[in-house]
Amino acid sequence: MDAYHQVLAKLYETTGGKENQSVDFKDLVRRLGFFGNYADIFERLSREGWIVEDAKSDFVRITHWGVKEVKNPSASGADKDLKQRTLESDANKAAAEAKELSLLLEVFARNTSAENLAAVQQKINDINGLLERLKANAN
């Protein structure tokens, strides 16, 4: 998936596909790691009609055409819809986090310090967050 479609997919995910939801586009592009290409990404998505500027500076809304583009599997090079891709991505992240939890528990078993226990607790919190996202997307 190219950078334009990655940003559009993240915008769709953030807005829940709602055309009236405004999002800080600069922040969204920065979080995805494409900030150096912000102007190009903004210009392309605007030109294609996938986003429109909002009244607030640097805020945008996804358009009907943007929603259609995200749902078009051939556009992004994937044959699955966004919800399925998100579900699979979160499941893979949860599996990786579970492996890290196992390692942290081994470390804690050897050294039962408060610091090691805090690391275990943080990893469990991370996994719980991913499980909530999985539940939300599985329905």
N, C-alpha and C. Protein backbone atom coordinates (compact mmCIF):
# COMPACT_ATOMS: atom_id res chain seq x y z
N MET A 1 0.85 -1.17 0.00
CA MET A 1 0.00 0.00 0.00
C MET A 1 0.90 1.23 0.00
N ASP A 2 0.63 2.17 -0.89
CA ASP A 2 1.46 3.36 -0.95
C ASP A 2 1.14 4.31 0.21
N ALA A 3 1.99 5.31 0.38
CA ALA A 3 1.85 6.24 1.51
C ALA A 3 0.52 6.98 1.47
N TYR A 4 0.05 7.34 0.29
CA TYR A 4 -1.21 8.07 0.17
C TYR A 4 -2.36 7.23 0.71
N HIS A 5 -2.38 5.96 0.32
CA HIS A 5 -3.45 5.08 0.78
C HIS A 5 -3.30 4.72 2.26
N GLN A 6 -2.06 4.65 2.74
CA GLN A 6 -1.86 4.40 4.18
C GLN A 6 -2.43 5.56 4.99
N VAL A 7 -2.16 6.78 4.56
CA VAL A 7 -2.68 7.96 5.28
C VAL A 7 -4.19 8.00 5.17
N LEU A 8 -4.72 7.73 3.99
CA LEU A 8 -6.17 7.74 3.80
C LEU A 8 -6.84 6.66 4.66
N ALA A 9 -6.23 5.47 4.72
CA ALA A 9 -6.78 4.39 5.53
C ALA A 9 -6.76 4.77 7.02
N LYS A 10 -5.69 5.42 7.47
CA LYS A 10 -5.61 5.84 8.87
C LYS A 10 -6.64 6.93 9.16
N LEU A 11 -6.84 7.83 8.20
CA LEU A 11 -7.87 8.87 8.36
C LEU A 11 -9.25 8.23 8.46
N TYR A 12 -9.50 7.24 7.61
CA TYR A 12 -10.77 6.51 7.64
C TYR A 12 -10.95 5.83 9.00
N GLU A 13 -9.91 5.17 9.47
CA GLU A 13 -9.96 4.48 10.76
C GLU A 13 -10.21 5.47 11.89
N THR A 14 -9.53 6.61 11.86
CA THR A 14 -9.66 7.62 12.91
C THR A 14 -11.05 8.22 12.94
N THR A 15 -11.63 8.45 11.78
CA THR A 15 -12.95 9.07 11.70
C THR A 15 -14.08 8.06 11.77
N GLY A 16 -13.74 6.79 11.68
CA GLY A 16 -14.78 5.77 11.63
C GLY A 16 -15.57 5.85 10.33
N GLY A 17 -14.98 6.47 9.31
CA GLY A 17 -15.65 6.62 8.02
C GLY A 17 -16.69 7.72 7.98
N LYS A 18 -16.74 8.51 9.05
CA LYS A 18 -17.73 9.60 9.12
C LYS A 18 -17.19 10.84 8.44
N GLU A 19 -17.95 11.35 7.49
CA GLU A 19 -17.51 12.49 6.70
C GLU A 19 -17.55 13.81 7.47
N ASN A 20 -18.24 13.83 8.59
CA ASN A 20 -18.34 15.08 9.36
C ASN A 20 -17.33 15.15 10.50
N GLN A 21 -16.47 14.15 10.62
CA GLN A 21 -15.47 14.09 11.69
C GLN A 21 -14.19 14.79 11.23
N SER A 22 -13.76 15.78 11.98
CA SER A 22 -12.56 16.55 11.65
C SER A 22 -11.34 15.95 12.36
N VAL A 23 -10.21 15.90 11.65
CA VAL A 23 -8.99 15.29 12.19
C VAL A 23 -7.80 16.22 11.93
N ASP A 24 -6.90 16.31 12.91
CA ASP A 24 -5.66 17.06 12.74
C ASP A 24 -4.76 16.27 11.78
N PHE A 25 -4.73 16.71 10.53
CA PHE A 25 -4.06 15.97 9.48
C PHE A 25 -2.55 15.97 9.66
N LYS A 26 -1.98 17.07 10.09
CA LYS A 26 -0.53 17.13 10.32
C LYS A 26 -0.11 16.12 11.37
N ASP A 27 -0.88 16.04 12.45
CA ASP A 27 -0.57 15.09 13.51
C ASP A 27 -0.71 13.65 13.01
N LEU A 28 -1.75 13.39 12.24
CA LEU A 28 -1.97 12.05 11.71
C LEU A 28 -0.81 11.63 10.81
N VAL A 29 -0.38 12.51 9.92
CA VAL A 29 0.73 12.21 9.00
C VAL A 29 2.02 12.04 9.80
N ARG A 30 2.21 12.86 10.82
CA ARG A 30 3.41 12.76 11.66
C ARG A 30 3.45 11.40 12.37
N ARG A 31 2.31 10.96 12.93
CA ARG A 31 2.26 9.68 13.64
C ARG A 31 2.55 8.50 12.72
N LEU A 32 2.23 8.63 11.45
CA LEU A 32 2.50 7.56 10.49
C LEU A 32 3.92 7.59 9.97
N GLY A 33 4.66 8.65 10.30
CA GLY A 33 6.06 8.74 9.89
C GLY A 33 6.27 9.35 8.51
N PHE A 34 5.27 10.04 7.99
CA PHE A 34 5.38 10.64 6.66
C PHE A 34 5.43 12.16 6.71
N PHE A 35 5.81 12.73 7.83
CA PHE A 35 5.73 14.18 7.98
C PHE A 35 6.57 14.93 6.95
N GLY A 36 7.68 14.36 6.54
CA GLY A 36 8.51 15.00 5.54
C GLY A 36 7.81 15.16 4.19
N ASN A 37 6.79 14.35 3.96
CA ASN A 37 6.03 14.39 2.72
C ASN A 37 4.63 14.96 2.94
N TYR A 38 4.45 15.69 4.04
CA TYR A 38 3.12 16.19 4.39
C TYR A 38 2.48 16.99 3.25
N ALA A 39 3.20 17.94 2.70
CA ALA A 39 2.62 18.81 1.66
C ALA A 39 2.19 18.00 0.44
N ASP A 40 3.02 17.06 0.02
CA ASP A 40 2.71 16.23 -1.14
C ASP A 40 1.48 15.35 -0.87
N ILE A 41 1.44 14.75 0.30
CA ILE A 41 0.32 13.88 0.66
C ILE A 41 -0.97 14.69 0.73
N PHE A 42 -0.91 15.85 1.38
CA PHE A 42 -2.09 16.71 1.48
C PHE A 42 -2.58 17.11 0.09
N GLU A 43 -1.64 17.52 -0.76
CA GLU A 43 -2.01 17.98 -2.10
C GLU A 43 -2.64 16.85 -2.91
N ARG A 44 -2.07 15.66 -2.85
CA ARG A 44 -2.60 14.53 -3.64
C ARG A 44 -3.97 14.11 -3.16
N LEU A 45 -4.16 13.97 -1.85
CA LEU A 45 -5.45 13.56 -1.32
C LEU A 45 -6.53 14.61 -1.60
N SER A 46 -6.13 15.88 -1.55
CA SER A 46 -7.07 16.96 -1.88
C SER A 46 -7.43 16.94 -3.36
N ARG A 47 -6.41 16.80 -4.20
CA ARG A 47 -6.62 16.80 -5.66
C ARG A 47 -7.52 15.65 -6.08
N GLU A 48 -7.36 14.50 -5.45
CA GLU A 48 -8.17 13.33 -5.77
C GLU A 48 -9.61 13.49 -5.24
N GLY A 49 -9.82 14.45 -4.35
CA GLY A 49 -11.14 14.65 -3.77
C GLY A 49 -11.43 13.73 -2.60
N TRP A 50 -10.39 13.14 -2.03
CA TRP A 50 -10.56 12.20 -0.94
C TRP A 50 -10.67 12.89 0.42
N ILE A 51 -10.15 14.13 0.51
CA ILE A 51 -10.25 14.90 1.75
C ILE A 51 -10.65 16.34 1.42
N VAL A 52 -11.20 17.02 2.41
CA VAL A 52 -11.48 18.45 2.29
C VAL A 52 -10.97 19.13 3.56
N GLU A 53 -10.52 20.38 3.38
CA GLU A 53 -10.04 21.13 4.53
C GLU A 53 -11.21 21.50 5.44
N ASP A 54 -10.93 21.57 6.71
CA ASP A 54 -11.92 21.99 7.69
C ASP A 54 -11.65 23.46 8.03
N ALA A 55 -12.51 24.06 8.83
CA ALA A 55 -12.34 25.46 9.21
C ALA A 55 -11.06 25.67 10.02
N LYS A 56 -10.69 24.68 10.85
CA LYS A 56 -9.48 24.79 11.66
C LYS A 56 -8.25 24.50 10.80
N SER A 57 -7.20 25.25 11.03
CA SER A 57 -5.97 25.08 10.30
C SER A 57 -5.42 23.66 10.49
N ASP A 58 -5.01 23.03 9.40
CA ASP A 58 -4.41 21.69 9.38
C ASP A 58 -5.40 20.57 9.71
N PHE A 59 -6.68 20.88 9.81
CA PHE A 59 -7.68 19.85 10.06
C PHE A 59 -8.40 19.53 8.75
N VAL A 60 -8.69 18.25 8.55
CA VAL A 60 -9.38 17.81 7.34
C VAL A 60 -10.52 16.86 7.71
N ARG A 61 -11.37 16.63 6.72
CA ARG A 61 -12.43 15.63 6.83
C ARG A 61 -12.32 14.70 5.63
N ILE A 62 -12.62 13.45 5.82
CA ILE A 62 -12.64 12.51 4.70
C ILE A 62 -13.93 12.75 3.92
N THR A 63 -13.87 12.57 2.62
CA THR A 63 -15.05 12.76 1.78
C THR A 63 -15.68 11.41 1.44
N HIS A 64 -16.84 11.47 0.82
CA HIS A 64 -17.51 10.26 0.34
C HIS A 64 -16.57 9.50 -0.60
N TRP A 65 -15.86 10.24 -1.45
CA TRP A 65 -14.94 9.61 -2.40
C TRP A 65 -13.75 9.00 -1.68
N GLY A 66 -13.32 9.62 -0.60
CA GLY A 66 -12.24 9.05 0.19
C GLY A 66 -12.64 7.74 0.84
N VAL A 67 -13.87 7.70 1.36
CA VAL A 67 -14.39 6.47 1.96
C VAL A 67 -14.46 5.37 0.90
N LYS A 68 -14.95 5.72 -0.30
CA LYS A 68 -15.04 4.73 -1.39
C LYS A 68 -13.65 4.21 -1.77
N GLU A 69 -12.67 5.10 -1.78
CA GLU A 69 -11.30 4.71 -2.14
C GLU A 69 -10.73 3.73 -1.14
N VAL A 70 -10.98 3.97 0.15
CA VAL A 70 -10.47 3.07 1.18
C VAL A 70 -11.12 1.69 1.04
N LYS A 71 -12.38 1.68 0.71
CA LYS A 71 -13.10 0.40 0.60
C LYS A 71 -12.84 -0.32 -0.71
N ASN A 72 -12.17 0.35 -1.66
CA ASN A 72 -11.86 -0.24 -2.96
C ASN A 72 -10.59 -1.07 -2.84
N PRO A 73 -10.70 -2.40 -2.80
CA PRO A 73 -9.52 -3.23 -2.57
C PRO A 73 -8.45 -3.10 -3.65
N SER A 74 -8.82 -2.86 -4.88
CA SER A 74 -7.81 -2.77 -5.93
C SER A 74 -7.00 -1.48 -5.84
N ALA A 75 -7.57 -0.45 -5.23
CA ALA A 75 -6.87 0.84 -5.12
C ALA A 75 -5.66 0.74 -4.21
N SER A 76 -5.80 0.02 -3.13
CA SER A 76 -4.71 -0.05 -2.16
C SER A 76 -3.80 -1.24 -2.40
N GLY A 77 -4.14 -2.06 -3.37
CA GLY A 77 -3.31 -3.22 -3.65
C GLY A 77 -3.63 -4.39 -2.74
N ALA A 78 -4.67 -4.30 -1.99
CA ALA A 78 -5.05 -5.38 -1.09
C ALA A 78 -6.43 -5.88 -1.49
N ASP A 79 -6.69 -7.12 -1.18
CA ASP A 79 -7.99 -7.68 -1.54
C ASP A 79 -8.91 -7.80 -0.33
N LYS A 80 -8.51 -7.22 0.77
CA LYS A 80 -9.33 -7.26 1.98
C LYS A 80 -9.76 -5.86 2.35
N ASP A 81 -10.86 -5.76 3.01
CA ASP A 81 -11.30 -4.43 3.42
C ASP A 81 -10.49 -3.95 4.63
N LEU A 82 -10.60 -2.69 4.94
CA LEU A 82 -9.81 -2.08 6.00
C LEU A 82 -10.03 -2.75 7.34
N LYS A 83 -11.27 -3.09 7.66
CA LYS A 83 -11.56 -3.69 8.95
C LYS A 83 -10.82 -5.01 9.12
N GLN A 84 -10.81 -5.83 8.08
CA GLN A 84 -10.11 -7.11 8.14
C GLN A 84 -8.60 -6.92 8.27
N ARG A 85 -8.04 -5.97 7.52
CA ARG A 85 -6.60 -5.70 7.61
C ARG A 85 -6.24 -5.20 9.01
N THR A 86 -7.08 -4.33 9.57
CA THR A 86 -6.84 -3.82 10.91
C THR A 86 -6.90 -4.94 11.94
N LEU A 87 -7.88 -5.82 11.79
CA LEU A 87 -8.03 -6.95 12.70
C LEU A 87 -6.79 -7.85 12.66
N GLU A 88 -6.32 -8.16 11.46
CA GLU A 88 -5.13 -9.00 11.32
C GLU A 88 -3.89 -8.32 11.88
N SER A 89 -3.76 -7.03 11.63
CA SER A 89 -2.61 -6.28 12.13
C SER A 89 -2.60 -6.27 13.66
N ASP A 90 -3.75 -6.02 14.26
CA ASP A 90 -3.84 -6.00 15.72
C ASP A 90 -3.59 -7.39 16.31
N ALA A 91 -4.06 -8.42 15.63
CA ALA A 91 -3.82 -9.79 16.10
C ALA A 91 -2.33 -10.11 16.08
N ASN A 92 -1.64 -9.68 15.02
CA ASN A 92 -0.19 -9.91 14.94
C ASN A 92 0.54 -9.12 16.02
N LYS A 93 0.10 -7.90 16.27
CA LYS A 93 0.72 -7.10 17.34
C LYS A 93 0.50 -7.77 18.69
N ALA A 94 -0.71 -8.29 18.92
CA ALA A 94 -1.01 -8.96 20.19
C ALA A 94 -0.13 -10.19 20.37
N ALA A 95 0.09 -10.95 19.30
CA ALA A 95 0.95 -12.13 19.39
C ALA A 95 2.39 -11.73 19.75
N ALA A 96 2.87 -10.66 19.12
CA ALA A 96 4.23 -10.19 19.42
C ALA A 96 4.33 -9.69 20.86
N GLU A 97 3.30 -8.98 21.30
CA GLU A 97 3.29 -8.47 22.69
C GLU A 97 3.25 -9.64 23.68
N ALA A 98 2.52 -10.71 23.35
CA ALA A 98 2.45 -11.88 24.24
C ALA A 98 3.83 -12.55 24.36
N LYS A 99 4.57 -12.60 23.26
CA LYS A 99 5.92 -13.16 23.32
C LYS A 99 6.81 -12.31 24.22
N GLU A 100 6.68 -10.99 24.08
CA GLU A 100 7.47 -10.09 24.94
C GLU A 100 7.07 -10.26 26.40
N LEU A 101 5.77 -10.47 26.65
CA LEU A 101 5.31 -10.68 28.03
C LEU A 101 5.96 -11.93 28.62
N SER A 102 6.05 -12.97 27.82
CA SER A 102 6.68 -14.20 28.28
C SER A 102 8.13 -13.96 28.70
N LEU A 103 8.85 -13.19 27.89
CA LEU A 103 10.23 -12.88 28.23
C LEU A 103 10.31 -12.02 29.50
N LEU A 104 9.42 -11.06 29.61
CA LEU A 104 9.42 -10.20 30.81
C LEU A 104 9.10 -11.01 32.07
N LEU A 105 8.21 -12.00 31.93
CA LEU A 105 7.90 -12.86 33.08
C LEU A 105 9.10 -13.72 33.48
N GLU A 106 9.87 -14.17 32.51
CA GLU A 106 11.08 -14.93 32.81
C GLU A 106 12.09 -14.05 33.55
N VAL A 107 12.24 -12.83 33.10
CA VAL A 107 13.14 -11.89 33.77
C VAL A 107 12.65 -11.64 35.19
N PHE A 108 11.35 -11.45 35.35
CA PHE A 108 10.79 -11.19 36.68
C PHE A 108 10.98 -12.40 37.60
N ALA A 109 10.87 -13.61 37.06
CA ALA A 109 11.06 -14.82 37.87
C ALA A 109 12.48 -14.90 38.42
N ARG A 110 13.45 -14.38 37.66
CA ARG A 110 14.85 -14.39 38.11
C ARG A 110 15.16 -13.24 39.06
N ASN A 111 14.44 -12.13 38.87
CA ASN A 111 14.68 -10.94 39.69
C ASN A 111 13.34 -10.27 39.95
N THR A 112 12.78 -10.50 41.13
CA THR A 112 11.43 -10.02 41.45
C THR A 112 11.43 -8.58 41.94
N SER A 113 12.12 -7.72 41.24
CA SER A 113 12.16 -6.31 41.62
C SER A 113 10.87 -5.61 41.20
N ALA A 114 10.63 -4.49 41.86
CA ALA A 114 9.44 -3.69 41.54
C ALA A 114 9.51 -3.17 40.10
N GLU A 115 10.69 -2.87 39.63
CA GLU A 115 10.87 -2.39 38.25
C GLU A 115 10.48 -3.46 37.23
N ASN A 116 10.89 -4.69 37.47
CA ASN A 116 10.53 -5.78 36.56
C ASN A 116 9.04 -6.08 36.61
N LEU A 117 8.45 -5.98 37.80
CA LEU A 117 7.01 -6.17 37.93
C LEU A 117 6.25 -5.08 37.18
N ALA A 118 6.73 -3.85 37.25
CA ALA A 118 6.09 -2.74 36.53
C ALA A 118 6.15 -2.98 35.02
N ALA A 119 7.25 -3.52 34.53
CA ALA A 119 7.38 -3.82 33.10
C ALA A 119 6.37 -4.89 32.69
N VAL A 120 6.19 -5.89 33.52
CA VAL A 120 5.20 -6.94 33.25
C VAL A 120 3.79 -6.34 33.22
N GLN A 121 3.49 -5.51 34.21
CA GLN A 121 2.17 -4.89 34.28
C GLN A 121 1.90 -4.01 33.06
N GLN A 122 2.90 -3.25 32.63
CA GLN A 122 2.74 -2.39 31.46
C GLN A 122 2.46 -3.22 30.21
N LYS A 123 3.18 -4.34 30.07
CA LYS A 123 2.97 -5.20 28.90
C LYS A 123 1.57 -5.79 28.92
N ILE A 124 1.09 -6.17 30.10
CA ILE A 124 -0.28 -6.70 30.22
C ILE A 124 -1.30 -5.62 29.84
N ASN A 125 -1.05 -4.39 30.26
CA ASN A 125 -1.95 -3.28 29.89
C ASN A 125 -1.96 -3.07 28.38
N ASP A 126 -0.78 -3.16 27.76
CA ASP A 126 -0.69 -3.02 26.30
C ASP A 126 -1.50 -4.11 25.60
N ILE A 127 -1.36 -5.33 26.09
CA ILE A 127 -2.10 -6.46 25.50
C ILE A 127 -3.60 -6.27 25.69
N ASN A 128 -4.01 -5.81 26.86
CA ASN A 128 -5.44 -5.57 27.10
C ASN A 128 -5.99 -4.53 26.14
N GLY A 129 -5.22 -3.49 25.86
CA GLY A 129 -5.65 -2.48 24.90
C GLY A 129 -5.84 -3.08 23.52
N LEU A 130 -4.90 -3.92 23.11
CA LEU A 130 -5.02 -4.58 21.81
C LEU A 130 -6.22 -5.53 21.78
N LEU A 131 -6.47 -6.22 22.88
CA LEU A 131 -7.63 -7.11 22.93
C LEU A 131 -8.94 -6.34 22.79
N GLU A 132 -9.01 -5.16 23.37
CA GLU A 132 -10.21 -4.33 23.22
C GLU A 132 -10.40 -3.93 21.77
N ARG A 133 -9.31 -3.57 21.10
CA ARG A 133 -9.40 -3.22 19.68
C ARG A 133 -9.81 -4.43 18.85
N LEU A 134 -9.28 -5.61 19.20
CA LEU A 134 -9.66 -6.82 18.48
C LEU A 134 -11.14 -7.11 18.64
N LYS A 135 -11.64 -6.98 19.86
CA LYS A 135 -13.07 -7.21 20.09
C LYS A 135 -13.92 -6.22 19.30
N ALA A 136 -13.50 -4.98 19.26
CA ALA A 136 -14.28 -3.96 18.56
C ALA A 136 -14.31 -4.22 17.06
N ASN A 137 -13.21 -4.70 16.50
CA ASN A 137 -13.13 -4.93 15.05
C ASN A 137 -13.64 -6.30 14.62
N ALA A 138 -13.75 -7.24 15.57
CA ALA A 138 -14.19 -8.60 15.24
C ALA A 138 -15.69 -8.65 15.01
N ASN A 139 -16.41 -7.67 15.49
CA ASN A 139 -17.89 -7.70 15.34
C ASN A 139 -18.35 -7.04 14.09
